[in-house]
Amino acid sequence: MISLACEIAGVKLNNPFIMASGTYGFGKEYSAYCDLNKLGGISGKGLTLHPKAGNKGTRIFETASGMLNSVGLENPGIEAFLAHELDEMVRWNTAVLINLGGGTIGDYVEGAALISEDNRIRRLDNRRGADMIELNISCPNVKEGGLAFGVETETARQVVREVRRATDMPLIVKLSPNAQDIRAMAVMCEEEGADGISLINTFSAMKIDIKRRRSVFDNLYAGLSGPAIKPIALRMVHQAAKAVSIPVIGMGGIVTAEDAVEFIMAGAAAVQVGTANFMNLRVGEELADDLYRYMEAEKIASLEEIRGII
C-alpha cells in the first residue's frame, strides 16, 4: 500500500500538496477545473483585519521562469471572510489554512482572536472551522517605517509571541526569504510556540519598461515567484528543517512531483504550490497523481521513508 498522507500540527492531509496563499483564491474559483478533494490543503488569500483594495496599476508580470506580482493583499477582511467564504472552503475534504497578515502587532492579534473565536463557536455547533492559521510575517510593519516583521528575528518574535497567546489553533508561521538569518528565525518560531513554519515567501524584485522609462509596477518592486527561485528556496527549507523539530512546509517554484520530492528530501513535511496554479488549473490534482506514480516506481510506501534524508 502506498500512502501520500501526511500530518501538520495534528491536522491530517490527504497528500503533501497545499495550494499557496494568493494563488488559489478561497478554493471555489478552481473547483470547476480541479477536484479539490484530491488536494492536501488550501491556504486562502491573505487576510487582514480590515478590507484592502490592493495595489493600483500593473499587478502581474511574467518573467523568465517565473512571475512578478504586486497585488497588494487585496482581500475582503477577516469578518467578511468568516461570514461569507469559510463555509464554502470547509465543504471540501482538504485542510483549510487561513493566511493572516497585518500592519501592526495589534492587527495580527485582533485578527487571530477573531478567527479563533469563530472556530470555537463552530466547534460548539458541531460545524467545521479552519484547521490552521498561517501567520504571514512578511507584511510591512507600518509603525516601524515599513520594515517587514519577518526580517529581524527579535522583531518577528514579538508578533509570533503575541499571536500565540491570542489563539489555541495550530499556528504556522510563514517566513520571508529576506530574513537576516533563516535558521535563527525558524528556531525563534519554535521557541515561541509555533506548531510549524512555512517558507519561503516571494523575493523582492523589479522589472523596468524601457519604452516608458519607468518601473512596470507603481510600487517599483514586486514579488518574484516560480521555478526561478526554486534552488534558493530549497536551500532555505533545508536549513530551516535542520534547525527545528516542528514541521516545515516548503514552497518556491514547485511545478512537478519531482520538485516536491526534492523539498521532502530536504526535510519538508508538506509543500505549497503557487505560481504553477496559473500555468495549469489542475496542477494540484495532477501533482498528487504523479507523486503516487513516482512512489510506486521507486517502491516507496510512505513519504516518511524519504523525508529529510539529505
C-alpha atoms as a PDB file:
ATOM      1  CA  MET A   1       0.000   0.000   0.000  1.00  0.00           C
ATOM      2  CA  ILE A   2       1.240   3.451  -0.930  1.00  0.00           C
ATOM      3  CA  SER A   3       0.211   6.403   1.240  1.00  0.00           C
ATOM      4  CA  LEU A   4       0.611  10.067   0.292  1.00  0.00           C
ATOM      5  CA  ALA A   5      -0.895  11.166   3.602  1.00  0.00           C
ATOM      6  CA  CYS A   6       0.981  13.470   5.948  1.00  0.00           C
ATOM      7  CA  GLU A   7       0.285  15.423   9.112  1.00  0.00           C
ATOM      8  CA  ILE A   8       0.943  19.025  10.122  1.00  0.00           C
ATOM      9  CA  ALA A   9       0.397  20.103  13.742  1.00  0.00           C
ATOM     10  CA  GLY A  10      -2.122  17.315  14.301  1.00  0.00           C
ATOM     11  CA  VAL A  11      -4.013  18.079  11.081  1.00  0.00           C
ATOM     12  CA  LYS A  12      -4.122  15.181   8.632  1.00  0.00           C
ATOM     13  CA  LEU A  13      -3.643  15.925   4.938  1.00  0.00           C
ATOM     14  CA  ASN A  14      -4.632  13.657   2.031  1.00  0.00           C
ATOM     15  CA  ASN A  15      -1.274  14.370   0.437  1.00  0.00           C
ATOM     16  CA  PRO A  16       1.522  16.925   0.856  1.00  0.00           C
ATOM     17  CA  PHE A  17       0.217  19.432  -1.709  1.00  0.00           C
ATOM     18  CA  ILE A  18      -1.191  22.657  -0.245  1.00  0.00           C
ATOM     19  CA  MET A  19      -2.242  25.398  -2.643  1.00  0.00           C
ATOM     20  CA  ALA A  20      -0.345  28.548  -1.702  1.00  0.00           C
ATOM     21  CA  SER A  21      -1.939  31.734  -0.426  1.00  0.00           C
ATOM     22  CA  GLY A  22      -2.665  34.327  -3.080  1.00  0.00           C
ATOM     23  CA  THR A  23      -2.707  31.822  -5.931  1.00  0.00           C
ATOM     24  CA  TYR A  24      -5.908  29.898  -5.282  1.00  0.00           C
ATOM     25  CA  GLY A  25      -8.437  32.424  -4.023  1.00  0.00           C
ATOM     26  CA  PHE A  26     -10.544  30.650  -1.411  1.00  0.00           C
ATOM     27  CA  GLY A  27     -10.745  27.472  -3.479  1.00  0.00           C
ATOM     28  CA  LYS A  28     -14.134  27.810  -5.155  1.00  0.00           C
ATOM     29  CA  GLU A  29     -12.575  29.649  -8.101  1.00  0.00           C
ATOM     30  CA  TYR A  30     -10.753  26.430  -9.052  1.00  0.00           C
ATOM     31  CA  SER A  31     -13.483  23.937  -8.170  1.00  0.00           C
ATOM     32  CA  ALA A  32     -14.830  23.842 -11.731  1.00  0.00           C
ATOM     33  CA  TYR A  33     -11.432  22.713 -13.032  1.00  0.00           C
ATOM     34  CA  CYS A  34      -9.902  20.619 -10.260  1.00  0.00           C
ATOM     35  CA  ASP A  35     -11.251  18.092  -7.756  1.00  0.00           C
ATOM     36  CA  LEU A  36     -10.471  19.948  -4.544  1.00  0.00           C
ATOM     37  CA  ASN A  37     -10.968  16.757  -2.554  1.00  0.00           C
ATOM     38  CA  LYS A  38      -7.734  15.487  -4.094  1.00  0.00           C
ATOM     39  CA  LEU A  39      -5.670  18.332  -2.634  1.00  0.00           C
ATOM     40  CA  GLY A  40      -3.787  18.210   0.631  1.00  0.00           C
ATOM     41  CA  GLY A  41      -4.848  21.694   1.642  1.00  0.00           C
ATOM     42  CA  ILE A  42      -5.671  25.240   0.583  1.00  0.00           C
ATOM     43  CA  SER A  43      -4.100  28.335   2.093  1.00  0.00           C
ATOM     44  CA  GLY A  44      -6.616  31.055   1.347  1.00  0.00           C
ATOM     45  CA  LYS A  45      -5.966  34.535   0.020  1.00  0.00           C
ATOM     46  CA  GLY A  46      -4.091  36.576   2.600  1.00  0.00           C
ATOM     47  CA  LEU A  47      -6.485  38.288   5.013  1.00  0.00           C
ATOM     48  CA  THR A  48      -6.128  41.473   7.023  1.00  0.00           C
ATOM     49  CA  LEU A  49      -8.227  42.885   9.844  1.00  0.00           C
ATOM     50  CA  HIS A  50      -9.919  45.362   7.502  1.00  0.00           C
ATOM     51  CA  PRO A  51     -10.684  45.043   3.769  1.00  0.00           C
ATOM     52  CA  LYS A  52      -7.969  46.114   1.330  1.00  0.00           C
ATOM     53  CA  ALA A  53      -8.381  47.201  -2.272  1.00  0.00           C
ATOM     54  CA  GLY A  54      -4.871  46.171  -3.264  1.00  0.00           C
ATOM     55  CA  ASN A  55      -2.353  47.990  -5.431  1.00  0.00           C
ATOM     56  CA  LYS A  56      -3.123  50.135  -8.451  1.00  0.00           C
ATOM     57  CA  GLY A  57      -1.556  49.689 -11.854  1.00  0.00           C
ATOM     58  CA  THR A  58       0.030  46.512 -13.189  1.00  0.00           C
ATOM     59  CA  ARG A  59      -0.232  43.656 -10.718  1.00  0.00           C
ATOM     60  CA  ILE A  60       1.187  40.658 -12.577  1.00  0.00           C
ATOM     61  CA  PHE A  61       4.108  40.380 -14.989  1.00  0.00           C
ATOM     62  CA  GLU A  62       5.575  37.209 -16.444  1.00  0.00           C
ATOM     63  CA  THR A  63       9.345  36.951 -16.334  1.00  0.00           C
ATOM     64  CA  ALA A  64      11.932  34.308 -17.236  1.00  0.00           C
ATOM     65  CA  SER A  65      10.992  31.097 -15.384  1.00  0.00           C
ATOM     66  CA  GLY A  66       8.750  32.972 -13.011  1.00  0.00           C
ATOM     67  CA  MET A  67       6.234  35.652 -12.245  1.00  0.00           C
ATOM     68  CA  LEU A  68       6.286  39.065 -10.600  1.00  0.00           C
ATOM     69  CA  ASN A  69       3.258  40.118  -8.573  1.00  0.00           C
ATOM     70  CA  SER A  70       2.253  43.353  -6.908  1.00  0.00           C
ATOM     71  CA  VAL A  71      -1.324  42.559  -5.921  1.00  0.00           C
ATOM     72  CA  GLY A  72      -1.064  44.226  -2.526  1.00  0.00           C
ATOM     73  CA  LEU A  73      -3.094  41.916  -0.252  1.00  0.00           C
ATOM     74  CA  GLU A  74      -6.449  42.690  -1.829  1.00  0.00           C
ATOM     75  CA  ASN A  75      -8.979  40.925   0.401  1.00  0.00           C
ATOM     76  CA  PRO A  76     -12.476  41.304   1.916  1.00  0.00           C
ATOM     77  CA  GLY A  77     -11.267  41.494   5.517  1.00  0.00           C
ATOM     78  CA  ILE A  78     -11.421  38.788   8.180  1.00  0.00           C
ATOM     79  CA  GLU A  79     -15.018  39.299   9.314  1.00  0.00           C
ATOM     80  CA  ALA A  80     -16.393  39.208   5.758  1.00  0.00           C
ATOM     81  CA  PHE A  81     -14.360  36.085   5.013  1.00  0.00           C
ATOM     82  CA  LEU A  82     -15.640  34.283   8.107  1.00  0.00           C
ATOM     83  CA  ALA A  83     -19.227  35.260   7.297  1.00  0.00           C
ATOM     84  CA  HIS A  84     -19.273  34.622   3.549  1.00  0.00           C
ATOM     85  CA  GLU A  85     -16.353  32.473   2.402  1.00  0.00           C
ATOM     86  CA  LEU A  86     -15.305  29.949   5.051  1.00  0.00           C
ATOM     87  CA  ASP A  87     -18.422  27.763   4.846  1.00  0.00           C
ATOM     88  CA  GLU A  88     -17.627  27.101   1.191  1.00  0.00           C
ATOM     89  CA  MET A  89     -13.971  26.312   1.929  1.00  0.00           C
ATOM     90  CA  VAL A  90     -14.738  23.728   4.596  1.00  0.00           C
ATOM     91  CA  ARG A  91     -17.097  21.797   2.294  1.00  0.00           C
ATOM     92  CA  TRP A  92     -14.113  20.100   0.706  1.00  0.00           C
ATOM     93  CA  ASN A  93     -12.184  17.192   2.178  1.00  0.00           C
ATOM     94  CA  THR A  94      -8.981  19.187   2.324  1.00  0.00           C
ATOM     95  CA  ALA A  95      -7.166  21.108   5.055  1.00  0.00           C
ATOM     96  CA  VAL A  96      -8.038  24.811   5.331  1.00  0.00           C
ATOM     97  CA  LEU A  97      -5.368  27.337   6.274  1.00  0.00           C
ATOM     98  CA  ILE A  98      -6.251  30.968   6.962  1.00  0.00           C
ATOM     99  CA  ASN A  99      -3.366  33.196   5.912  1.00  0.00           C
ATOM    100  CA  LEU A 100      -3.225  36.144   8.303  1.00  0.00           C
ATOM    101  CA  GLY A 101      -1.434  39.417   7.539  1.00  0.00           C
ATOM    102  CA  GLY A 102      -1.204  42.695   9.394  1.00  0.00           C
ATOM    103  CA  GLY A 103       0.362  46.112   9.533  1.00  0.00           C
ATOM    104  CA  THR A 104       0.850  46.198  13.301  1.00  0.00           C
ATOM    105  CA  ILE A 105       1.123  43.649  16.088  1.00  0.00           C
ATOM    106  CA  GLY A 106      -2.309  44.750  17.264  1.00  0.00           C
ATOM    107  CA  ASP A 107      -3.783  43.962  13.853  1.00  0.00           C
ATOM    108  CA  TYR A 108      -2.316  40.456  13.922  1.00  0.00           C
ATOM    109  CA  VAL A 109      -3.526  39.773  17.458  1.00  0.00           C
ATOM    110  CA  GLU A 110      -7.054  41.048  16.853  1.00  0.00           C
ATOM    111  CA  GLY A 111      -7.261  39.089  13.598  1.00  0.00           C
ATOM    112  CA  ALA A 112      -6.094  35.876  15.252  1.00  0.00           C
ATOM    113  CA  ALA A 113      -8.602  36.369  18.069  1.00  0.00           C
ATOM    114  CA  LEU A 114     -11.485  36.807  15.607  1.00  0.00           C
ATOM    115  CA  ILE A 115     -10.525  33.659  13.712  1.00  0.00           C
ATOM    116  CA  SER A 116     -10.143  31.677  16.938  1.00  0.00           C
ATOM    117  CA  GLU A 117     -13.488  32.810  18.329  1.00  0.00           C
ATOM    118  CA  ASP A 118     -15.195  31.824  15.083  1.00  0.00           C
ATOM    119  CA  ASN A 119     -13.502  28.432  15.323  1.00  0.00           C
ATOM    120  CA  ARG A 120     -14.659  27.989  18.932  1.00  0.00           C
ATOM    121  CA  ILE A 121     -18.281  28.782  18.054  1.00  0.00           C
ATOM    122  CA  ARG A 122     -18.192  26.399  15.119  1.00  0.00           C
ATOM    123  CA  ARG A 123     -16.903  23.582  17.325  1.00  0.00           C
ATOM    124  CA  LEU A 124     -19.717  24.167  19.817  1.00  0.00           C
ATOM    125  CA  ASP A 125     -22.214  23.971  16.955  1.00  0.00           C
ATOM    126  CA  ASN A 126     -20.572  20.823  15.568  1.00  0.00           C
ATOM    127  CA  ARG A 127     -19.603  22.713  12.442  1.00  0.00           C
ATOM    128  CA  ARG A 128     -16.226  22.525  10.773  1.00  0.00           C
ATOM    129  CA  GLY A 129     -13.927  25.536  11.013  1.00  0.00           C
ATOM    130  CA  ALA A 130     -10.487  26.365   9.659  1.00  0.00           C
ATOM    131  CA  ASP A 131      -7.729  23.909  10.506  1.00  0.00           C
ATOM    132  CA  MET A 132      -4.758  26.235  10.881  1.00  0.00           C
ATOM    133  CA  ILE A 133      -3.644  29.854  10.902  1.00  0.00           C
ATOM    134  CA  GLU A 134      -0.731  30.668   8.623  1.00  0.00           C
ATOM    135  CA  LEU A 135       0.830  33.798  10.088  1.00  0.00           C
ATOM    136  CA  ASN A 136       2.386  35.867   7.312  1.00  0.00           C
ATOM    137  CA  ILE A 137       5.161  37.930   8.911  1.00  0.00           C
ATOM    138  CA  SER A 138       6.359  39.259   5.577  1.00  0.00           C
ATOM    139  CA  CYS A 139       3.934  42.193   5.721  1.00  0.00           C
ATOM    140  CA  PRO A 140       5.291  45.741   6.202  1.00  0.00           C
ATOM    141  CA  ASN A 141       5.452  46.922   9.811  1.00  0.00           C
ATOM    142  CA  VAL A 142       3.648  50.243   9.474  1.00  0.00           C
ATOM    143  CA  LYS A 143       4.831  51.628  12.803  1.00  0.00           C
ATOM    144  CA  GLU A 144       8.478  50.843  12.072  1.00  0.00           C
ATOM    145  CA  GLY A 145       8.944  52.673   8.810  1.00  0.00           C
ATOM    146  CA  GLY A 146       7.854  49.861   6.525  1.00  0.00           C
ATOM    147  CA  LEU A 147      10.353  47.254   7.764  1.00  0.00           C
ATOM    148  CA  ALA A 148       8.949  43.769   7.269  1.00  0.00           C
ATOM    149  CA  PHE A 149       8.258  41.925  10.526  1.00  0.00           C
ATOM    150  CA  GLY A 150       9.950  38.852   9.090  1.00  0.00           C
ATOM    151  CA  VAL A 151      13.412  40.350   8.577  1.00  0.00           C
ATOM    152  CA  GLU A 152      14.752  40.772  12.115  1.00  0.00           C
ATOM    153  CA  THR A 153      14.377  37.801  14.438  1.00  0.00           C
ATOM    154  CA  GLU A 154      13.630  39.779  17.598  1.00  0.00           C
ATOM    155  CA  THR A 155      11.047  41.961  15.825  1.00  0.00           C
ATOM    156  CA  ALA A 156       9.352  38.837  14.487  1.00  0.00           C
ATOM    157  CA  ARG A 157       9.467  37.266  17.948  1.00  0.00           C
ATOM    158  CA  GLN A 158       7.062  39.897  19.279  1.00  0.00           C
ATOM    159  CA  VAL A 159       4.477  39.085  16.623  1.00  0.00           C
ATOM    160  CA  VAL A 160       4.706  35.317  16.999  1.00  0.00           C
ATOM    161  CA  ARG A 161       4.586  35.518  20.803  1.00  0.00           C
ATOM    162  CA  GLU A 162       1.518  37.770  20.898  1.00  0.00           C
ATOM    163  CA  VAL A 163      -0.390  35.810  18.249  1.00  0.00           C
ATOM    164  CA  ARG A 164       0.430  32.542  20.006  1.00  0.00           C
ATOM    165  CA  ARG A 165      -1.181  33.976  23.145  1.00  0.00           C
ATOM    166  CA  ALA A 166      -4.250  35.019  21.157  1.00  0.00           C
ATOM    167  CA  THR A 167      -5.088  31.636  19.619  1.00  0.00           C
ATOM    168  CA  ASP A 168      -5.222  27.971  20.541  1.00  0.00           C
ATOM    169  CA  MET A 169      -5.428  26.940  16.889  1.00  0.00           C
ATOM    170  CA  PRO A 170      -2.482  25.273  15.146  1.00  0.00           C
ATOM    171  CA  LEU A 171      -0.158  28.134  14.191  1.00  0.00           C
ATOM    172  CA  ILE A 172       2.130  28.033  11.150  1.00  0.00           C
ATOM    173  CA  VAL A 173       4.492  30.989  10.670  1.00  0.00           C
ATOM    174  CA  LYS A 174       5.292  31.944   7.072  1.00  0.00           C
ATOM    175  CA  LEU A 175       8.862  33.197   6.770  1.00  0.00           C
ATOM    176  CA  SER A 176      10.390  35.774   4.455  1.00  0.00           C
ATOM    177  CA  PRO A 177      13.421  34.954   2.290  1.00  0.00           C
ATOM    178  CA  ASN A 178      14.750  38.344   3.391  1.00  0.00           C
ATOM    179  CA  ALA A 179      15.233  37.146   6.966  1.00  0.00           C
ATOM    180  CA  GLN A 180      18.667  38.095   8.241  1.00  0.00           C
ATOM    181  CA  ASP A 181      19.196  34.529   9.490  1.00  0.00           C
ATOM    182  CA  ILE A 182      16.672  31.941   8.328  1.00  0.00           C
ATOM    183  CA  ARG A 183      17.871  29.355  10.857  1.00  0.00           C
ATOM    184  CA  ALA A 184      17.567  31.787  13.774  1.00  0.00           C
ATOM    185  CA  MET A 185      14.124  32.854  12.549  1.00  0.00           C
ATOM    186  CA  ALA A 186      12.945  29.243  12.392  1.00  0.00           C
ATOM    187  CA  VAL A 187      14.307  28.457  15.855  1.00  0.00           C
ATOM    188  CA  MET A 188      12.634  31.561  17.288  1.00  0.00           C
ATOM    189  CA  CYS A 189       9.253  30.417  15.914  1.00  0.00           C
ATOM    190  CA  GLU A 190       9.655  27.064  17.620  1.00  0.00           C
ATOM    191  CA  GLU A 191      10.720  28.739  20.882  1.00  0.00           C
ATOM    192  CA  GLU A 192       7.616  30.942  20.835  1.00  0.00           C
ATOM    193  CA  GLY A 193       5.244  28.023  20.429  1.00  0.00           C
ATOM    194  CA  ALA A 194       4.591  27.898  16.695  1.00  0.00           C
ATOM    195  CA  ASP A 195       3.331  24.500  15.559  1.00  0.00           C
ATOM    196  CA  GLY A 196       5.156  24.740  12.241  1.00  0.00           C
ATOM    197  CA  ILE A 197       6.759  27.095   9.742  1.00  0.00           C
ATOM    198  CA  SER A 198       6.278  27.636   6.024  1.00  0.00           C
ATOM    199  CA  LEU A 199       8.845  29.131   3.683  1.00  0.00           C
ATOM    200  CA  ILE A 200       9.658  30.903   1.533  1.00  0.00           C
ATOM    201  CA  ASN A 201       7.605  33.906   0.538  1.00  0.00           C
ATOM    202  CA  THR A 202       8.423  35.787  -2.679  1.00  0.00           C
ATOM    203  CA  PHE A 203      11.692  37.611  -3.330  1.00  0.00           C
ATOM    204  CA  SER A 204      11.669  41.379  -3.800  1.00  0.00           C
ATOM    205  CA  ALA A 205      12.381  42.020  -7.484  1.00  0.00           C
ATOM    206  CA  MET A 206      11.956  44.556 -10.272  1.00  0.00           C
ATOM    207  CA  LYS A 207      11.033  44.988 -13.940  1.00  0.00           C
ATOM    208  CA  ILE A 208      11.669  48.169 -15.946  1.00  0.00           C
ATOM    209  CA  ASP A 209       9.689  49.227 -19.018  1.00  0.00           C
ATOM    210  CA  ILE A 210      12.455  50.688 -21.185  1.00  0.00           C
ATOM    211  CA  LYS A 211       9.976  52.366 -23.553  1.00  0.00           C
ATOM    212  CA  ARG A 212       8.188  54.232 -20.773  1.00  0.00           C
ATOM    213  CA  ARG A 213      11.415  54.553 -18.771  1.00  0.00           C
ATOM    214  CA  ARG A 214       9.845  53.555 -15.513  1.00  0.00           C
ATOM    215  CA  SER A 215       9.150  50.510 -13.386  1.00  0.00           C
ATOM    216  CA  VAL A 216       6.346  48.294 -14.628  1.00  0.00           C
ATOM    217  CA  PHE A 217       4.872  48.459 -11.123  1.00  0.00           C
ATOM    218  CA  ASP A 218       3.528  51.556  -9.373  1.00  0.00           C
ATOM    219  CA  ASN A 219       5.246  50.363  -6.174  1.00  0.00           C
ATOM    220  CA  LEU A 220       8.556  49.947  -8.079  1.00  0.00           C
ATOM    221  CA  TYR A 221       9.216  46.460  -6.714  1.00  0.00           C
ATOM    222  CA  ALA A 222       7.211  43.245  -6.836  1.00  0.00           C
ATOM    223  CA  GLY A 223       7.412  39.685  -5.524  1.00  0.00           C
ATOM    224  CA  LEU A 224       9.243  37.108  -7.648  1.00  0.00           C
ATOM    225  CA  SER A 225       7.961  33.522  -7.565  1.00  0.00           C
ATOM    226  CA  GLY A 226       8.128  30.455  -9.790  1.00  0.00           C
ATOM    227  CA  PRO A 227      10.815  27.996 -10.920  1.00  0.00           C
ATOM    228  CA  ALA A 228      13.500  30.710 -10.962  1.00  0.00           C
ATOM    229  CA  ILE A 229      13.582  30.804  -7.158  1.00  0.00           C
ATOM    230  CA  LYS A 230      13.407  27.061  -6.501  1.00  0.00           C
ATOM    231  CA  PRO A 231      17.119  26.355  -5.851  1.00  0.00           C
ATOM    232  CA  ILE A 232      17.294  29.167  -3.277  1.00  0.00           C
ATOM    233  CA  ALA A 233      14.006  28.131  -1.683  1.00  0.00           C
ATOM    234  CA  LEU A 234      15.193  24.528  -1.461  1.00  0.00           C
ATOM    235  CA  ARG A 235      18.378  25.611   0.319  1.00  0.00           C
ATOM    236  CA  MET A 236      16.452  27.702   2.839  1.00  0.00           C
ATOM    237  CA  VAL A 237      13.946  24.927   3.547  1.00  0.00           C
ATOM    238  CA  HIS A 238      16.815  22.511   4.142  1.00  0.00           C
ATOM    239  CA  GLN A 239      18.483  24.945   6.562  1.00  0.00           C
ATOM    240  CA  ALA A 240      15.251  25.569   8.463  1.00  0.00           C
ATOM    241  CA  ALA A 241      14.309  21.886   8.641  1.00  0.00           C
ATOM    242  CA  LYS A 242      17.716  21.006  10.101  1.00  0.00           C
ATOM    243  CA  ALA A 243      17.345  23.709  12.760  1.00  0.00           C
ATOM    244  CA  VAL A 244      13.900  22.837  14.192  1.00  0.00           C
ATOM    245  CA  SER A 245      11.819  19.849  15.232  1.00  0.00           C
ATOM    246  CA  ILE A 246       8.445  21.334  14.245  1.00  0.00           C
ATOM    247  CA  PRO A 247       7.030  20.625  10.754  1.00  0.00           C
ATOM    248  CA  VAL A 248       8.299  22.684   7.830  1.00  0.00           C
ATOM    249  CA  ILE A 249       6.133  23.422   4.799  1.00  0.00           C
ATOM    250  CA  GLY A 250       8.339  24.152   1.791  1.00  0.00           C
ATOM    251  CA  MET A 251       7.482  26.310  -1.179  1.00  0.00           C
ATOM    252  CA  GLY A 252       9.134  28.148  -4.032  1.00  0.00           C
ATOM    253  CA  GLY A 253       8.954  27.128  -7.679  1.00  0.00           C
ATOM    254  CA  ILE A 254       7.309  23.717  -7.326  1.00  0.00           C
ATOM    255  CA  VAL A 255       5.900  22.689 -10.708  1.00  0.00           C
ATOM    256  CA  THR A 256       6.422  18.920 -10.856  1.00  0.00           C
ATOM    257  CA  ALA A 257       6.175  15.996  -8.456  1.00  0.00           C
ATOM    258  CA  GLU A 258       9.951  15.691  -8.718  1.00  0.00           C
ATOM    259  CA  ASP A 259      10.254  19.259  -7.379  1.00  0.00           C
ATOM    260  CA  ALA A 260       8.086  18.300  -4.419  1.00  0.00           C
ATOM    261  CA  VAL A 261      10.183  15.201  -3.731  1.00  0.00           C
ATOM    262  CA  GLU A 262      13.292  17.390  -3.545  1.00  0.00           C
ATOM    263  CA  PHE A 263      11.683  19.559  -0.873  1.00  0.00           C
ATOM    264  CA  ILE A 264      10.543  16.495   1.070  1.00  0.00           C
ATOM    265  CA  MET A 265      14.026  15.004   0.896  1.00  0.00           C
ATOM    266  CA  ALA A 266      15.307  18.342   2.192  1.00  0.00           C
ATOM    267  CA  GLY A 267      13.064  17.918   5.243  1.00  0.00           C
ATOM    268  CA  ALA A 268       9.693  19.404   4.307  1.00  0.00           C
ATOM    269  CA  ALA A 269       6.656  17.777   5.898  1.00  0.00           C
ATOM    270  CA  ALA A 270       4.469  19.179   3.114  1.00  0.00           C
ATOM    271  CA  VAL A 271       4.777  21.658   0.249  1.00  0.00           C
ATOM    272  CA  GLN A 272       2.854  24.585  -1.144  1.00  0.00           C
ATOM    273  CA  VAL A 273       2.223  25.153  -4.837  1.00  0.00           C
ATOM    274  CA  GLY A 274       1.772  28.726  -6.049  1.00  0.00           C
ATOM    275  CA  THR A 275       2.777  30.035  -9.476  1.00  0.00           C
ATOM    276  CA  ALA A 276       2.137  26.636 -11.071  1.00  0.00           C
ATOM    277  CA  ASN A 277      -1.595  27.192 -10.454  1.00  0.00           C
ATOM    278  CA  PHE A 278      -1.537  29.933 -13.091  1.00  0.00           C
ATOM    279  CA  MET A 279       0.208  27.611 -15.536  1.00  0.00           C
ATOM    280  CA  ASN A 280      -2.150  24.667 -15.063  1.00  0.00           C
ATOM    281  CA  LEU A 281      -5.530  24.938 -13.341  1.00  0.00           C
ATOM    282  CA  ARG A 282      -5.457  21.233 -12.442  1.00  0.00           C
ATOM    283  CA  VAL A 283      -1.868  21.117 -11.239  1.00  0.00           C
ATOM    284  CA  GLY A 284      -2.697  20.199  -7.624  1.00  0.00           C
ATOM    285  CA  GLU A 285      -4.655  17.120  -8.642  1.00  0.00           C
ATOM    286  CA  GLU A 286      -2.052  16.115 -11.235  1.00  0.00           C
ATOM    287  CA  LEU A 287       0.843  16.512  -8.818  1.00  0.00           C
ATOM    288  CA  ALA A 288      -0.776  14.081  -6.394  1.00  0.00           C
ATOM    289  CA  ASP A 289      -1.232  11.517  -9.182  1.00  0.00           C
ATOM    290  CA  ASP A 290       2.351  11.996 -10.388  1.00  0.00           C
ATOM    291  CA  LEU A 291       3.751  11.639  -6.868  1.00  0.00           C
ATOM    292  CA  TYR A 292       1.865   8.371  -6.427  1.00  0.00           C
ATOM    293  CA  ARG A 293       3.371   7.050  -9.669  1.00  0.00           C
ATOM    294  CA  TYR A 294       6.859   8.103  -8.574  1.00  0.00           C
ATOM    295  CA  MET A 295       6.471   6.348  -5.227  1.00  0.00           C
ATOM    296  CA  GLU A 296       5.107   3.246  -6.947  1.00  0.00           C
ATOM    297  CA  ALA A 297       8.058   3.148  -9.366  1.00  0.00           C
ATOM    298  CA  GLU A 298      10.588   3.717  -6.578  1.00  0.00           C
ATOM    299  CA  LYS A 299       8.854   1.258  -4.217  1.00  0.00           C
ATOM    300  CA  ILE A 300       8.279   3.933  -1.573  1.00  0.00           C
ATOM    301  CA  ALA A 301       5.313   3.143   0.677  1.00  0.00           C
ATOM    302  CA  SER A 302       5.331   6.332   2.752  1.00  0.00           C
ATOM    303  CA  LEU A 303       6.821   9.818   2.493  1.00  0.00           C
ATOM    304  CA  GLU A 304       8.450   9.188   5.862  1.00  0.00           C
ATOM    305  CA  GLU A 305      10.920   6.918   4.058  1.00  0.00           C
ATOM    306  CA  ILE A 306      12.439   9.852   2.166  1.00  0.00           C
ATOM    307  CA  ARG A 307      11.662  12.856   4.346  1.00  0.00           C
ATOM    308  CA  GLY A 308      14.788  14.708   5.447  1.00  0.00           C
ATOM    309  CA  ILE A 309      17.244  12.170   4.049  1.00  0.00           C
ATOM    310  CA  ILE A 310      19.573  14.894   2.757  1.00  0.00           C
END
